[in-house]
Amino acid sequence: MTDDQDNHTRLETLRLEHRDLDDVIHRLIADADSDRLQVQRLKKRKLRLRDQILRLQSGSIPDIIA
């Protein structure tokens, strides 16, 4: 696989995990008995994933010289 394919695959994996975490977080928040510490940890993980996604996206966008 080329680096572009690897990056695309990694990006899709991160996006999927980000969406899954979002779903889990929403379900936990809706449950009054859920562990708030767990929710906070999942939110931090989701933010780290978002940062990784943004880094990969910015690396895959070629610089445009105006």
N, C-alpha and C. Protein backbone atom coordinates (compact mmCIF):
# COMPACT_ATOMS: atom_id res chain seq x y z
N MET A 1 0.84 -1.19 0.00
CA MET A 1 0.00 0.00 0.00
C MET A 1 0.88 1.25 0.00
N THR A 2 0.40 2.27 -0.64
CA THR A 2 1.13 3.53 -0.64
C THR A 2 0.85 4.30 0.64
N ASP A 3 1.65 5.32 0.86
CA ASP A 3 1.44 6.16 2.06
C ASP A 3 0.07 6.82 2.02
N ASP A 4 -0.38 7.25 0.83
CA ASP A 4 -1.69 7.88 0.72
C ASP A 4 -2.80 6.91 1.10
N GLN A 5 -2.68 5.67 0.66
CA GLN A 5 -3.68 4.66 1.01
C GLN A 5 -3.65 4.37 2.50
N ASP A 6 -2.43 4.28 3.07
CA ASP A 6 -2.29 4.05 4.51
C ASP A 6 -2.93 5.19 5.29
N ASN A 7 -2.67 6.42 4.88
CA ASN A 7 -3.24 7.58 5.56
C ASN A 7 -4.75 7.60 5.44
N HIS A 8 -5.25 7.27 4.26
CA HIS A 8 -6.71 7.25 4.06
C HIS A 8 -7.36 6.19 4.94
N THR A 9 -6.76 5.01 4.99
CA THR A 9 -7.28 3.93 5.82
C THR A 9 -7.24 4.32 7.29
N ARG A 10 -6.14 4.91 7.72
CA ARG A 10 -5.99 5.36 9.12
C ARG A 10 -7.03 6.44 9.43
N LEU A 11 -7.21 7.35 8.50
CA LEU A 11 -8.17 8.44 8.69
C LEU A 11 -9.58 7.89 8.85
N GLU A 12 -9.96 6.95 8.01
CA GLU A 12 -11.30 6.35 8.11
C GLU A 12 -11.48 5.59 9.42
N THR A 13 -10.43 4.90 9.86
CA THR A 13 -10.49 4.18 11.13
C THR A 13 -10.68 5.15 12.29
N LEU A 14 -9.95 6.25 12.28
CA LEU A 14 -10.07 7.25 13.33
C LEU A 14 -11.45 7.89 13.32
N ARG A 15 -11.98 8.18 12.14
CA ARG A 15 -13.31 8.78 12.04
C ARG A 15 -14.38 7.83 12.60
N LEU A 16 -14.26 6.56 12.29
CA LEU A 16 -15.20 5.57 12.78
C LEU A 16 -15.13 5.48 14.30
N GLU A 17 -13.93 5.43 14.84
CA GLU A 17 -13.78 5.37 16.29
C GLU A 17 -14.34 6.64 16.95
N HIS A 18 -14.14 7.78 16.32
CA HIS A 18 -14.64 9.05 16.83
C HIS A 18 -16.18 9.03 16.90
N ARG A 19 -16.80 8.54 15.83
CA ARG A 19 -18.27 8.44 15.79
C ARG A 19 -18.77 7.45 16.85
N ASP A 20 -18.08 6.33 16.98
CA ASP A 20 -18.47 5.33 17.98
C ASP A 20 -18.39 5.90 19.38
N LEU A 21 -17.30 6.62 19.66
CA LEU A 21 -17.16 7.24 20.97
C LEU A 21 -18.27 8.25 21.23
N ASP A 22 -18.61 8.99 20.21
CA ASP A 22 -19.69 9.97 20.34
C ASP A 22 -20.99 9.28 20.73
N ASP A 23 -21.29 8.17 20.09
CA ASP A 23 -22.50 7.41 20.42
C ASP A 23 -22.46 6.90 21.86
N VAL A 24 -21.34 6.34 22.27
CA VAL A 24 -21.20 5.82 23.62
C VAL A 24 -21.35 6.94 24.65
N ILE A 25 -20.71 8.06 24.39
CA ILE A 25 -20.79 9.20 25.31
C ILE A 25 -22.23 9.66 25.46
N HIS A 26 -22.95 9.77 24.36
CA HIS A 26 -24.35 10.21 24.43
C HIS A 26 -25.21 9.24 25.22
N ARG A 27 -24.98 7.94 25.04
CA ARG A 27 -25.75 6.95 25.80
C ARG A 27 -25.43 7.03 27.28
N LEU A 28 -24.14 7.21 27.61
CA LEU A 28 -23.76 7.30 29.02
C LEU A 28 -24.32 8.55 29.67
N ILE A 29 -24.33 9.65 28.95
CA ILE A 29 -24.87 10.90 29.50
C ILE A 29 -26.37 10.75 29.76
N ALA A 30 -27.05 10.03 28.90
CA ALA A 30 -28.49 9.83 29.06
C ALA A 30 -28.81 8.93 30.25
N ASP A 31 -27.84 8.10 30.65
CA ASP A 31 -28.03 7.20 31.78
C ASP A 31 -27.61 7.90 33.07
N ALA A 32 -28.57 8.16 33.93
CA ALA A 32 -28.29 8.90 35.18
C ALA A 32 -27.32 8.15 36.09
N ASP A 33 -27.24 6.84 35.95
CA ASP A 33 -26.36 6.03 36.82
C ASP A 33 -24.96 5.83 36.24
N SER A 34 -24.67 6.46 35.11
CA SER A 34 -23.37 6.23 34.47
C SER A 34 -22.24 6.89 35.26
N ASP A 35 -21.05 6.38 35.04
CA ASP A 35 -19.84 6.85 35.71
C ASP A 35 -19.35 8.12 35.02
N ARG A 36 -19.42 9.24 35.71
CA ARG A 36 -19.03 10.53 35.12
C ARG A 36 -17.54 10.58 34.80
N LEU A 37 -16.73 9.89 35.59
CA LEU A 37 -15.30 9.84 35.31
C LEU A 37 -15.04 9.13 33.98
N GLN A 38 -15.77 8.07 33.74
CA GLN A 38 -15.65 7.35 32.48
C GLN A 38 -16.06 8.25 31.31
N VAL A 39 -17.12 9.01 31.48
CA VAL A 39 -17.57 9.93 30.44
C VAL A 39 -16.47 10.95 30.13
N GLN A 40 -15.86 11.49 31.17
CA GLN A 40 -14.78 12.47 30.97
C GLN A 40 -13.60 11.86 30.24
N ARG A 41 -13.24 10.64 30.60
CA ARG A 41 -12.13 9.95 29.91
C ARG A 41 -12.46 9.72 28.44
N LEU A 42 -13.68 9.33 28.18
CA LEU A 42 -14.09 9.10 26.79
C LEU A 42 -14.08 10.40 25.99
N LYS A 43 -14.49 11.48 26.62
CA LYS A 43 -14.47 12.79 25.95
C LYS A 43 -13.04 13.20 25.62
N LYS A 44 -12.12 12.95 26.54
CA LYS A 44 -10.71 13.28 26.27
C LYS A 44 -10.17 12.43 25.13
N ARG A 45 -10.53 11.15 25.13
CA ARG A 45 -10.11 10.27 24.04
C ARG A 45 -10.67 10.77 22.70
N LYS A 46 -11.92 11.20 22.73
CA LYS A 46 -12.55 11.72 21.52
C LYS A 46 -11.82 12.96 21.01
N LEU A 47 -11.40 13.84 21.92
CA LEU A 47 -10.64 15.03 21.53
C LEU A 47 -9.29 14.66 20.94
N ARG A 48 -8.63 13.66 21.53
CA ARG A 48 -7.34 13.21 20.97
C ARG A 48 -7.53 12.65 19.57
N LEU A 49 -8.61 11.91 19.38
CA LEU A 49 -8.91 11.38 18.05
C LEU A 49 -9.15 12.51 17.05
N ARG A 50 -9.90 13.51 17.48
CA ARG A 50 -10.16 14.66 16.60
C ARG A 50 -8.85 15.33 16.19
N ASP A 51 -7.94 15.48 17.14
CA ASP A 51 -6.64 16.08 16.84
C ASP A 51 -5.86 15.23 15.85
N GLN A 52 -5.89 13.91 16.03
CA GLN A 52 -5.20 13.02 15.09
C GLN A 52 -5.82 13.12 13.70
N ILE A 53 -7.14 13.18 13.65
CA ILE A 53 -7.84 13.30 12.36
C ILE A 53 -7.42 14.59 11.66
N LEU A 54 -7.41 15.69 12.41
CA LEU A 54 -7.04 16.98 11.82
C LEU A 54 -5.60 16.98 11.33
N ARG A 55 -4.70 16.35 12.08
CA ARG A 55 -3.30 16.27 11.65
C ARG A 55 -3.17 15.48 10.35
N LEU A 56 -3.87 14.35 10.29
CA LEU A 56 -3.82 13.55 9.07
C LEU A 56 -4.43 14.30 7.89
N GLN A 57 -5.54 14.99 8.13
CA GLN A 57 -6.18 15.74 7.06
C GLN A 57 -5.28 16.87 6.56
N SER A 58 -4.65 17.56 7.48
CA SER A 58 -3.80 18.68 7.05
C SER A 58 -2.56 18.19 6.31
N GLY A 59 -2.11 16.98 6.64
CA GLY A 59 -0.96 16.43 5.94
C GLY A 59 -1.31 15.93 4.56
N SER A 60 -2.58 15.61 4.34
CA SER A 60 -2.99 15.08 3.04
C SER A 60 -3.44 16.15 2.07
N ILE A 61 -3.56 17.38 2.56
CA ILE A 61 -3.96 18.49 1.69
C ILE A 61 -2.70 19.16 1.17
N PRO A 62 -2.49 19.15 -0.13
CA PRO A 62 -1.29 19.75 -0.67
C PRO A 62 -1.27 21.26 -0.47
N ASP A 63 -0.08 21.80 -0.25
CA ASP A 63 0.06 23.25 -0.15
C ASP A 63 -0.20 23.86 -1.51
N ILE A 64 -1.03 24.91 -1.51
CA ILE A 64 -1.36 25.60 -2.75
C ILE A 64 -0.63 26.94 -2.76
N ILE A 65 0.18 27.12 -3.76
CA ILE A 65 0.90 28.38 -3.89
C ILE A 65 0.04 29.31 -4.72
N ALA A 66 -0.33 30.44 -4.12
CA ALA A 66 -1.20 31.37 -4.82
C ALA A 66 -0.40 32.32 -5.68
